[in-house]
PDB file of N, CA and C in Angstrom:
ATOM      1  N   MET A   1     146.580  93.026 156.212  1.00  0.00           N
ATOM      2  CA  MET A   1     146.141  91.787 156.819  1.00  0.00           C
ATOM      3  C   MET A   1     145.198  91.070 155.854  1.00  0.00           C
ATOM      4  N   MET A   2     145.388  89.766 155.711  1.00  0.00           N
ATOM      5  CA  MET A   2     144.546  88.952 154.839  1.00  0.00           C
ATOM      6  C   MET A   2     143.161  88.784 155.457  1.00  0.00           C
ATOM      7  N   HIS A   3     142.178  88.713 154.604  1.00  0.00           N
ATOM      8  CA  HIS A   3     140.790  88.570 155.041  1.00  0.00           C
ATOM      9  C   HIS A   3     140.212  87.314 154.389  1.00  0.00           C
ATOM     10  N   PHE A   4     139.658  86.415 155.194  1.00  0.00           N
ATOM     11  CA  PHE A   4     139.048  85.188 154.679  1.00  0.00           C
ATOM     12  C   PHE A   4     137.618  85.089 155.174  1.00  0.00           C
ATOM     13  N   THR A   5     136.749  84.591 154.317  1.00  0.00           N
ATOM     14  CA  THR A   5     135.381  84.256 154.735  1.00  0.00           C
ATOM     15  C   THR A   5     135.093  82.838 154.268  1.00  0.00           C
ATOM     16  N   CYS A   6     134.252  82.158 155.004  1.00  0.00           N
ATOM     17  CA  CYS A   6     133.848  80.804 154.644  1.00  0.00           C
ATOM     18  C   CYS A   6     133.012  80.897 153.366  1.00  0.00           C
ATOM     19  N   ASP A   7     133.394  80.126 152.362  1.00  0.00           N
ATOM     20  CA  ASP A   7     132.676  80.151 151.091  1.00  0.00           C
ATOM     21  C   ASP A   7     131.306  79.480 151.189  1.00  0.00           C
ATOM     22  N   GLN A   8     131.035  78.787 152.287  1.00  0.00           N
ATOM     23  CA  GLN A   8     129.738  78.142 152.456  1.00  0.00           C
ATOM     24  C   GLN A   8     128.764  79.019 153.249  1.00  0.00           C
ATOM     25  N   CYS A   9     129.182  79.469 154.431  1.00  0.00           N
ATOM     26  CA  CYS A   9     128.252  80.197 155.311  1.00  0.00           C
ATOM     27  C   CYS A   9     128.532  81.698 155.408  1.00  0.00           C
ATOM     28  N   GLY A  10     129.705  82.142 154.924  1.00  0.00           N
ATOM     29  CA  GLY A  10     130.036  83.560 154.942  1.00  0.00           C
ATOM     30  C   GLY A  10     130.681  84.054 156.233  1.00  0.00           C
ATOM     31  N   LYS A  11     130.954  83.158 157.172  1.00  0.00           N
ATOM     32  CA  LYS A  11     131.581  83.546 158.435  1.00  0.00           C
ATOM     33  C   LYS A  11     132.982  84.096 158.180  1.00  0.00           C
ATOM     34  N   GLU A  12     133.320  85.211 158.859  1.00  0.00           N
ATOM     35  CA  GLU A  12     134.664  85.782 158.726  1.00  0.00           C
ATOM     36  C   GLU A  12     135.656  84.962 159.547  1.00  0.00           C
ATOM     37  N   MET A  13     136.852  84.772 158.977  1.00  0.00           N
ATOM     38  CA  MET A  13     137.905  84.009 159.653  1.00  0.00           C
ATOM     39  C   MET A  13     139.179  84.835 159.651  1.00  0.00           C
ATOM     40  N   ARG A  14     139.764  85.031 160.826  1.00  0.00           N
ATOM     41  CA  ARG A  14     141.024  85.770 160.947  1.00  0.00           C
ATOM     42  C   ARG A  14     142.170  84.794 160.721  1.00  0.00           C
ATOM     43  N   PRO A  15     143.131  85.159 159.876  1.00  0.00           N
ATOM     44  CA  PRO A  15     144.188  84.226 159.468  1.00  0.00           C
ATOM     45  C   PRO A  15     144.986  83.605 160.610  1.00  0.00           C
ATOM     46  N   ASP A  16     145.348  84.374 161.625  1.00  0.00           N
ATOM     47  CA  ASP A  16     146.198  83.836 162.684  1.00  0.00           C
ATOM     48  C   ASP A  16     145.424  83.345 163.893  1.00  0.00           C
ATOM     49  N   GLN A  17     144.107  83.501 163.906  1.00  0.00           N
ATOM     50  CA  GLN A  17     143.341  83.150 165.106  1.00  0.00           C
ATOM     51  C   GLN A  17     142.292  82.072 164.861  1.00  0.00           C
ATOM     52  N   ASP A  18     141.646  82.075 163.697  1.00  0.00           N
ATOM     53  CA  ASP A  18     140.568  81.127 163.437  1.00  0.00           C
ATOM     54  C   ASP A  18     141.061  80.002 162.540  1.00  0.00           C
ATOM     55  N   PRO A  19     140.697  78.754 162.883  1.00  0.00           N
ATOM     56  CA  PRO A  19     141.070  77.654 161.981  1.00  0.00           C
ATOM     57  C   PRO A  19     140.304  77.778 160.665  1.00  0.00           C
ATOM     58  N   ARG A  20     140.950  77.378 159.607  1.00  0.00           N
ATOM     59  CA  ARG A  20     140.362  77.493 158.266  1.00  0.00           C
ATOM     60  C   ARG A  20     140.795  76.276 157.464  1.00  0.00           C
ATOM     61  N   PHE A  21     139.895  75.767 156.643  1.00  0.00           N
ATOM     62  CA  PHE A  21     140.186  74.594 155.826  1.00  0.00           C
ATOM     63  C   PHE A  21     140.053  74.957 154.356  1.00  0.00           C
ATOM     64  N   GLU A  22     141.004  74.490 153.560  1.00  0.00           N
ATOM     65  CA  GLU A  22     140.973  74.736 152.126  1.00  0.00           C
ATOM     66  C   GLU A  22     140.559  73.442 151.430  1.00  0.00           C
ATOM     67  N   ILE A  23     139.526  73.539 150.604  1.00  0.00           N
ATOM     68  CA  ILE A  23     139.040  72.397 149.834  1.00  0.00           C
ATOM     69  C   ILE A  23     139.397  72.658 148.373  1.00  0.00           C
ATOM     70  N   LYS A  24     140.065  71.704 147.739  1.00  0.00           N
ATOM     71  CA  LYS A  24     140.390  71.814 146.315  1.00  0.00           C
ATOM     72  C   LYS A  24     139.670  70.686 145.583  1.00  0.00           C
ATOM     73  N   ILE A  25     139.003  71.052 144.499  1.00  0.00           N
ATOM     74  CA  ILE A  25     138.265  70.076 143.700  1.00  0.00           C
ATOM     75  C   ILE A  25     138.752  70.180 142.261  1.00  0.00           C
ATOM     76  N   GLU A  26     139.043  69.037 141.686  1.00  0.00           N
ATOM     77  CA  GLU A  26     139.451  68.981 140.287  1.00  0.00           C
ATOM     78  C   GLU A  26     138.406  68.174 139.531  1.00  0.00           C
ATOM     79  N   CYS A  27     137.916  68.726 138.446  1.00  0.00           N
ATOM     80  CA  CYS A  27     136.858  68.087 137.670  1.00  0.00           C
ATOM     81  C   CYS A  27     137.337  67.945 136.226  1.00  0.00           C
ATOM     82  N   ARG A  28     137.364  66.721 135.722  1.00  0.00           N
ATOM     83  CA  ARG A  28     137.796  66.519 134.337  1.00  0.00           C
ATOM     84  C   ARG A  28     137.052  65.334 133.745  1.00  0.00           C
ATOM     85  N   ALA A  29     136.915  65.346 132.442  1.00  0.00           N
ATOM     86  CA  ALA A  29     136.213  64.280 131.742  1.00  0.00           C
ATOM     87  C   ALA A  29     137.097  63.041 131.671  1.00  0.00           C
ATOM     88  N   ILE A  30     136.487  61.890 131.844  1.00  0.00           N
ATOM     89  CA  ILE A  30     137.185  60.616 131.743  1.00  0.00           C
ATOM     90  C   ILE A  30     136.531  59.832 130.613  1.00  0.00           C
ATOM     91  N   HIS A  31     137.348  59.324 129.728  1.00  0.00           N
ATOM     92  CA  HIS A  31     136.830  58.543 128.613  1.00  0.00           C
ATOM     93  C   HIS A  31     137.332  57.113 128.745  1.00  0.00           C
ATOM     94  N   ASP A  32     136.375  56.193 128.820  1.00  0.00           N
ATOM     95  CA  ASP A  32     136.741  54.787 128.860  1.00  0.00           C
ATOM     96  C   ASP A  32     137.071  54.325 127.448  1.00  0.00           C
ATOM     97  N   VAL A  33     138.170  53.637 127.335  1.00  0.00           N
ATOM     98  CA  VAL A  33     138.580  53.131 126.027  1.00  0.00           C
ATOM     99  C   VAL A  33     137.752  51.882 125.729  1.00  0.00           C
ATOM    100  N   THR A  34     137.133  51.876 124.576  1.00  0.00           N
ATOM    101  CA  THR A  34     136.371  50.707 124.155  1.00  0.00           C
ATOM    102  C   THR A  34     137.130  50.006 123.034  1.00  0.00           C
ATOM    103  N   GLU A  35     136.687  48.828 122.700  1.00  0.00           N
ATOM    104  CA  GLU A  35     137.358  48.079 121.634  1.00  0.00           C
ATOM    105  C   GLU A  35     137.054  48.707 120.284  1.00  0.00           C
ATOM    106  N   LEU A  36     138.025  48.650 119.413  1.00  0.00           N
ATOM    107  CA  LEU A  36     137.827  49.107 118.041  1.00  0.00           C
ATOM    108  C   LEU A  36     137.039  48.049 117.277  1.00  0.00           C
ATOM    109  N   THR A  37     136.134  48.522 116.452  1.00  0.00           N
ATOM    110  CA  THR A  37     135.364  47.611 115.610  1.00  0.00           C
ATOM    111  C   THR A  37     135.758  47.848 114.148  1.00  0.00           C
ATOM    112  N   GLU A  38     135.281  46.983 113.273  1.00  0.00           N
ATOM    113  CA  GLU A  38     135.529  47.151 111.841  1.00  0.00           C
ATOM    114  C   GLU A  38     134.934  48.469 111.343  1.00  0.00           C
ATOM    115  N   ASP A  39     133.769  48.845 111.875  1.00  0.00           N
ATOM    116  CA  ASP A  39     133.131  50.105 111.486  1.00  0.00           C
ATOM    117  C   ASP A  39     134.023  51.298 111.814  1.00  0.00           C
ATOM    118  N   ASP A  40     134.688  51.243 112.975  1.00  0.00           N
ATOM    119  CA  ASP A  40     135.587  52.334 113.364  1.00  0.00           C
ATOM    120  C   ASP A  40     136.740  52.471 112.374  1.00  0.00           C
ATOM    121  N   LEU A  41     137.252  51.356 111.938  1.00  0.00           N
ATOM    122  CA  LEU A  41     138.380  51.372 111.008  1.00  0.00           C
ATOM    123  C   LEU A  41     137.958  51.799 109.607  1.00  0.00           C
ATOM    124  N   ASP A  42     136.713  51.519 109.240  1.00  0.00           N
ATOM    125  CA  ASP A  42     136.222  51.871 107.906  1.00  0.00           C
ATOM    126  C   ASP A  42     135.832  53.342 107.799  1.00  0.00           C
ATOM    127  N   ASP A  43     135.480  54.003 108.920  1.00  0.00           N
ATOM    128  CA  ASP A  43     135.055  55.401 108.879  1.00  0.00           C
ATOM    129  C   ASP A  43     136.195  56.317 108.460  1.00  0.00           C
ATOM    130  N   ASP A  44     135.847  57.365 107.722  1.00  0.00           N
ATOM    131  CA  ASP A  44     136.815  58.392 107.353  1.00  0.00           C
ATOM    132  C   ASP A  44     136.664  59.536 108.356  1.00  0.00           C
ATOM    133  N   HIS A  45     137.645  59.737 109.182  1.00  0.00           N
ATOM    134  CA  HIS A  45     137.559  60.709 110.264  1.00  0.00           C
ATOM    135  C   HIS A  45     138.098  62.087 109.892  1.00  0.00           C
ATOM    136  N   MET A  46     138.427  62.301 108.647  1.00  0.00           N
ATOM    137  CA  MET A  46     138.989  63.585 108.234  1.00  0.00           C
ATOM    138  C   MET A  46     137.982  64.728 108.377  1.00  0.00           C
ATOM    139  N   GLU A  47     136.706  64.474 108.074  1.00  0.00           N
ATOM    140  CA  GLU A  47     135.692  65.525 108.208  1.00  0.00           C
ATOM    141  C   GLU A  47     135.526  65.926 109.676  1.00  0.00           C
ATOM    142  N   THR A  48     135.507  64.938 110.571  1.00  0.00           N
ATOM    143  CA  THR A  48     135.408  65.218 112.007  1.00  0.00           C
ATOM    144  C   THR A  48     136.609  66.018 112.479  1.00  0.00           C
ATOM    145  N   LEU A  49     137.787  65.651 112.013  1.00  0.00           N
ATOM    146  CA  LEU A  49     139.002  66.369 112.387  1.00  0.00           C
ATOM    147  C   LEU A  49     138.964  67.804 111.860  1.00  0.00           C
ATOM    148  N   SER A  50     138.464  67.998 110.653  1.00  0.00           N
ATOM    149  CA  SER A  50     138.343  69.348 110.081  1.00  0.00           C
ATOM    150  C   SER A  50     137.397  70.213 110.916  1.00  0.00           C
ATOM    151  N   GLU A  51     136.278  69.621 111.376  1.00  0.00           N
ATOM    152  CA  GLU A  51     135.331  70.360 112.220  1.00  0.00           C
ATOM    153  C   GLU A  51     135.987  70.779 113.536  1.00  0.00           C
ATOM    154  N   LEU A  52     136.727  69.862 114.122  1.00  0.00           N
ATOM    155  CA  LEU A  52     137.410  70.178 115.386  1.00  0.00           C
ATOM    156  C   LEU A  52     138.395  71.322 115.200  1.00  0.00           C
ATOM    157  N   LEU A  53     139.170  71.285 114.137  1.00  0.00           N
ATOM    158  CA  LEU A  53     140.146  72.340 113.877  1.00  0.00           C
ATOM    159  C   LEU A  53     139.464  73.674 113.595  1.00  0.00           C
ATOM    160  N   ARG A  54     138.366  73.647 112.843  1.00  0.00           N
ATOM    161  CA  ARG A  54     137.616  74.878 112.542  1.00  0.00           C
ATOM    162  C   ARG A  54     137.066  75.502 113.832  1.00  0.00           C
ATOM    163  N   ASP A  55     136.493  74.660 114.690  1.00  0.00           N
ATOM    164  CA  ASP A  55     135.950  75.158 115.957  1.00  0.00           C
ATOM    165  C   ASP A  55     137.061  75.736 116.835  1.00  0.00           C
ATOM    166  N   ALA A  56     138.204  75.065 116.869  1.00  0.00           N
ATOM    167  CA  ALA A  56     139.318  75.528 117.699  1.00  0.00           C
ATOM    168  C   ALA A  56     139.841  76.876 117.208  1.00  0.00           C
ATOM    169  N   GLU A  57     139.934  77.040 115.898  1.00  0.00           N
ATOM    170  CA  GLU A  57     140.404  78.312 115.342  1.00  0.00           C
ATOM    171  C   GLU A  57     139.424  79.444 115.605  1.00  0.00           C
ATOM    172  N   ALA A  58     138.131  79.117 115.618  1.00  0.00           N
ATOM    173  CA  ALA A  58     137.099  80.133 115.855  1.00  0.00           C
ATOM    174  C   ALA A  58     136.926  80.407 117.346  1.00  0.00           C
ATOM    175  N   GLY A  59     137.620  79.640 118.188  1.00  0.00           N
ATOM    176  CA  GLY A  59     137.513  79.838 119.634  1.00  0.00           C
ATOM    177  C   GLY A  59     136.232  79.272 120.217  1.00  0.00           C
ATOM    178  N   GLU A  60     135.566  78.406 119.482  1.00  0.00           N
ATOM    179  CA  GLU A  60     134.321  77.805 119.947  1.00  0.00           C
ATOM    180  C   GLU A  60     134.599  76.469 120.609  1.00  0.00           C
ATOM    181  N   GLU A  61     133.740  76.138 121.600  1.00  0.00           N
ATOM    182  CA  GLU A  61     133.842  74.820 122.208  1.00  0.00           C
ATOM    183  C   GLU A  61     133.139  73.828 121.309  1.00  0.00           C
ATOM    184  N   SER A  62     133.750  72.702 121.107  1.00  0.00           N
ATOM    185  CA  SER A  62     133.178  71.687 120.244  1.00  0.00           C
ATOM    186  C   SER A  62     132.456  70.640 121.073  1.00  0.00           C
ATOM    187  N   PRO A  63     131.270  70.206 120.627  1.00  0.00           N
ATOM    188  CA  PRO A  63     130.583  69.134 121.357  1.00  0.00           C
ATOM    189  C   PRO A  63     131.309  67.800 121.229  1.00  0.00           C
ATOM    190  N   LEU A  64     132.270  67.730 120.319  1.00  0.00           N
ATOM    191  CA  LEU A  64     133.019  66.494 120.132  1.00  0.00           C
ATOM    192  C   LEU A  64     134.177  66.359 121.113  1.00  0.00           C
ATOM    193  N   LEU A  65     134.572  67.461 121.717  1.00  0.00           N
ATOM    194  CA  LEU A  65     135.680  67.433 122.666  1.00  0.00           C
ATOM    195  C   LEU A  65     135.152  67.517 124.088  1.00  0.00           C
ATOM    196  N   PRO A  66     135.806  66.845 125.030  1.00  0.00           N
ATOM    197  CA  PRO A  66     135.379  66.959 126.431  1.00  0.00           C
ATOM    198  C   PRO A  66     135.667  68.362 126.950  1.00  0.00           C
ATOM    199  N   PRO A  67     134.918  68.792 127.970  1.00  0.00           N
ATOM    200  CA  PRO A  67     135.211  70.112 128.546  1.00  0.00           C
ATOM    201  C   PRO A  67     136.606  70.113 129.164  1.00  0.00           C
ATOM    202  N   PRO A  68     137.243  71.273 129.207  1.00  0.00           N
ATOM    203  CA  PRO A  68     138.590  71.319 129.795  1.00  0.00           C
ATOM    204  C   PRO A  68     138.542  71.021 131.296  1.00  0.00           C
ATOM    205  N   LYS A  69     139.692  70.671 131.822  1.00  0.00           N
ATOM    206  CA  LYS A  69     139.797  70.402 133.260  1.00  0.00           C
ATOM    207  C   LYS A  69     139.459  71.678 134.022  1.00  0.00           C
ATOM    208  N   GLN A  70     138.691  71.525 135.092  1.00  0.00           N
ATOM    209  CA  GLN A  70     138.308  72.671 135.899  1.00  0.00           C
ATOM    210  C   GLN A  70     138.782  72.434 137.332  1.00  0.00           C
ATOM    211  N   GLU A  71     139.437  73.428 137.888  1.00  0.00           N
ATOM    212  CA  GLU A  71     139.905  73.347 139.271  1.00  0.00           C
ATOM    213  C   GLU A  71     139.199  74.410 140.093  1.00  0.00           C
ATOM    214  N   MET A  72     138.735  74.018 141.275  1.00  0.00           N
ATOM    215  CA  MET A  72     138.040  74.944 142.171  1.00  0.00           C
ATOM    216  C   MET A  72     138.694  74.897 143.552  1.00  0.00           C
ATOM    217  N   ARG A  73     138.634  76.011 144.259  1.00  0.00           N
ATOM    218  CA  ARG A  73     139.227  76.111 145.598  1.00  0.00           C
ATOM    219  C   ARG A  73     138.258  76.852 146.493  1.00  0.00           C
ATOM    220  N   PHE A  74     138.024  76.297 147.702  1.00  0.00           N
ATOM    221  CA  PHE A  74     137.093  76.901 148.649  1.00  0.00           C
ATOM    222  C   PHE A  74     137.719  76.956 150.033  1.00  0.00           C
ATOM    223  N   ASP A  75     137.457  78.044 150.766  1.00  0.00           N
ATOM    224  CA  ASP A  75     137.845  78.161 152.168  1.00  0.00           C
ATOM    225  C   ASP A  75     136.613  77.852 153.005  1.00  0.00           C
ATOM    226  N   LEU A  76     136.774  76.965 153.996  1.00  0.00           N
ATOM    227  CA  LEU A  76     135.657  76.594 154.862  1.00  0.00           C
ATOM    228  C   LEU A  76     136.016  76.781 156.325  1.00  0.00           C
ATOM    229  N   CYS A  77     135.023  77.205 157.115  1.00  0.00           N
ATOM    230  CA  CYS A  77     135.188  77.278 158.569  1.00  0.00           C
ATOM    231  C   CYS A  77     135.105  75.846 159.116  1.00  0.00           C
ATOM    232  N   PRO A  78     135.467  75.618 160.373  1.00  0.00           N
ATOM    233  CA  PRO A  78     135.446  74.262 160.923  1.00  0.00           C
ATOM    234  C   PRO A  78     134.070  73.585 160.842  1.00  0.00           C
ATOM    235  N   ASP A  79     132.981  74.313 161.107  1.00  0.00           N
ATOM    236  CA  ASP A  79     131.647  73.707 161.053  1.00  0.00           C
ATOM    237  C   ASP A  79     131.298  73.255 159.640  1.00  0.00           C
ATOM    238  N   CYS A  80     131.535  74.111 158.663  1.00  0.00           N
ATOM    239  CA  CYS A  80     131.231  73.769 157.269  1.00  0.00           C
ATOM    240  C   CYS A  80     132.158  72.654 156.772  1.00  0.00           C
ATOM    241  N   HIS A  81     133.397  72.646 157.252  1.00  0.00           N
ATOM    242  CA  HIS A  81     134.327  71.582 156.879  1.00  0.00           C
ATOM    243  C   HIS A  81     133.828  70.236 157.387  1.00  0.00           C
ATOM    244  N   ASP A  82     133.337  70.205 158.625  1.00  0.00           N
ATOM    245  CA  ASP A  82     132.799  68.956 159.174  1.00  0.00           C
ATOM    246  C   ASP A  82     131.603  68.464 158.353  1.00  0.00           C
ATOM    247  N   ARG A  83     130.708  69.383 157.988  1.00  0.00           N
ATOM    248  CA  ARG A  83     129.557  68.999 157.164  1.00  0.00           C
ATOM    249  C   ARG A  83     130.012  68.491 155.794  1.00  0.00           C
ATOM    250  N   PHE A  84     130.988  69.159 155.218  1.00  0.00           N
ATOM    251  CA  PHE A  84     131.511  68.739 153.910  1.00  0.00           C
ATOM    252  C   PHE A  84     132.146  67.353 154.001  1.00  0.00           C
ATOM    253  N   ARG A  85     132.909  67.116 155.062  1.00  0.00           N
ATOM    254  CA  ARG A  85     133.579  65.830 155.240  1.00  0.00           C
ATOM    255  C   ARG A  85     132.569  64.688 155.378  1.00  0.00           C
ATOM    256  N   ARG A  86     131.464  64.947 156.087  1.00  0.00           N
ATOM    257  CA  ARG A  86     130.443  63.917 156.281  1.00  0.00           C
ATOM    258  C   ARG A  86     129.646  63.658 154.999  1.00  0.00           C
ATOM    259  N   ASP A  87     129.421  64.687 154.200  1.00  0.00           N
ATOM    260  CA  ASP A  87     128.559  64.582 153.025  1.00  0.00           C
ATOM    261  C   ASP A  87     129.103  65.461 151.895  1.00  0.00           C
ATOM    262  N   PRO A  88     130.224  65.062 151.256  1.00  0.00           N
ATOM    263  CA  PRO A  88     130.872  65.935 150.278  1.00  0.00           C
ATOM    264  C   PRO A  88     130.025  66.262 149.051  1.00  0.00           C
ATOM    265  N   LEU A  89     129.088  65.409 148.683  1.00  0.00           N
ATOM    266  CA  LEU A  89     128.260  65.671 147.499  1.00  0.00           C
ATOM    267  C   LEU A  89     126.912  66.301 147.837  1.00  0.00           C
ATOM    268  N   GLY A  90     126.649  66.533 149.110  1.00  0.00           N
ATOM    269  CA  GLY A  90     125.404  67.175 149.515  1.00  0.00           C
ATOM    270  C   GLY A  90     124.176  66.300 149.359  1.00  0.00           C
ATOM    271  N   LYS A  91     124.350  64.997 149.313  1.00  0.00           N
ATOM    272  CA  LYS A  91     123.215  64.087 149.145  1.00  0.00           C
ATOM    273  C   LYS A  91     122.268  64.133 150.342  1.00  0.00           C
ATOM    274  N   GLU A  92     122.842  64.210 151.525  1.00  0.00           N
ATOM    275  CA  GLU A  92     122.025  64.237 152.743  1.00  0.00           C
ATOM    276  C   GLU A  92     121.112  65.457 152.750  1.00  0.00           C
ATOM    277  N   GLN A  93     121.639  66.597 152.384  1.00  0.00           N
ATOM    278  CA  GLN A  93     120.874  67.842 152.387  1.00  0.00           C
ATOM    279  C   GLN A  93     119.774  67.832 151.331  1.00  0.00           C
ATOM    280  N   SER A  94     120.059  67.252 150.166  1.00  0.00           N
ATOM    281  CA  SER A  94     119.076  67.278 149.080  1.00  0.00           C
ATOM    282  C   SER A  94     117.911  66.329 149.321  1.00  0.00           C
ATOM    283  N   GLN A  95     118.030  65.396 150.267  1.00  0.00           N
ATOM    284  CA  GLN A  95     116.965  64.439 150.529  1.00  0.00           C
ATOM    285  C   GLN A  95     116.053  64.864 151.672  1.00  0.00           C
ATOM    286  N   LYS A  96     116.308  65.983 152.291  1.00  0.00           N
ATOM    287  CA  LYS A  96     115.472  66.454 153.391  1.00  0.00           C
ATOM    288  C   LYS A  96     114.258  67.173 152.848  1.00  0.00           C
ATOM    289  N   PHE A  97     113.112  66.897 153.422  1.00  0.00           N
ATOM    290  CA  PHE A  97     111.892  67.562 153.052  1.00  0.00           C
ATOM    291  C   PHE A  97     111.400  68.379 154.241  1.00  0.00           C
ATOM    292  N   TYR A  98     110.923  69.567 153.976  1.00  0.00           N
ATOM    293  CA  TYR A  98     110.395  70.428 155.029  1.00  0.00           C
ATOM    294  C   TYR A  98     108.916  70.683 154.749  1.00  0.00           C
ATOM    295  N   PHE A  99     108.083  70.267 155.667  1.00  0.00           N
ATOM    296  CA  PHE A  99     106.644  70.460 155.511  1.00  0.00           C
ATOM    297  C   PHE A  99     106.159  71.468 156.531  1.00  0.00           C
ATOM    298  N   SER A 100     105.250  72.316 156.124  1.00  0.00           N
ATOM    299  CA  SER A 100     104.683  73.287 157.056  1.00  0.00           C
ATOM    300  C   SER A 100     103.697  72.560 157.963  1.00  0.00           C
ATOM    301  N   LYS A 101     103.486  73.095 159.152  1.00  0.00           N
ATOM    302  CA  LYS A 101     102.543  72.503 160.118  1.00  0.00           C
ATOM    303  C   LYS A 101     101.182  73.139 159.898  1.00  0.00           C
ATOM    304  N   ASN A 102     100.312  72.457 159.176  1.00  0.00           N
ATOM    305  CA  ASN A 102      98.953  72.961 158.896  1.00  0.00           C
ATOM    306  C   ASN A 102      97.966  72.371 159.866  1.00  0.00           C
TER     307      ASN A 102
END
């Protein structure tokens, strides 16, 4: 039997009895194309290309390349799904302040 727990609150969910929601998030770098200038055309990009190839061969991440696409998957219970739907980036939660009663 498959076993699922909510990735947010840890509640156990039975596959055939409890509702469960799957959230998939894809994160990738976006580069806006800008206009080419004369400086861009005058630059010799061979050294930059050599650095990229050297880093790739060494298995190192290059600061010149965007990070690879990242995909994430989460199982949520109905309560956590509702909270996620209302505030997917968690902005509401991060703006709450809790003060002790002195």
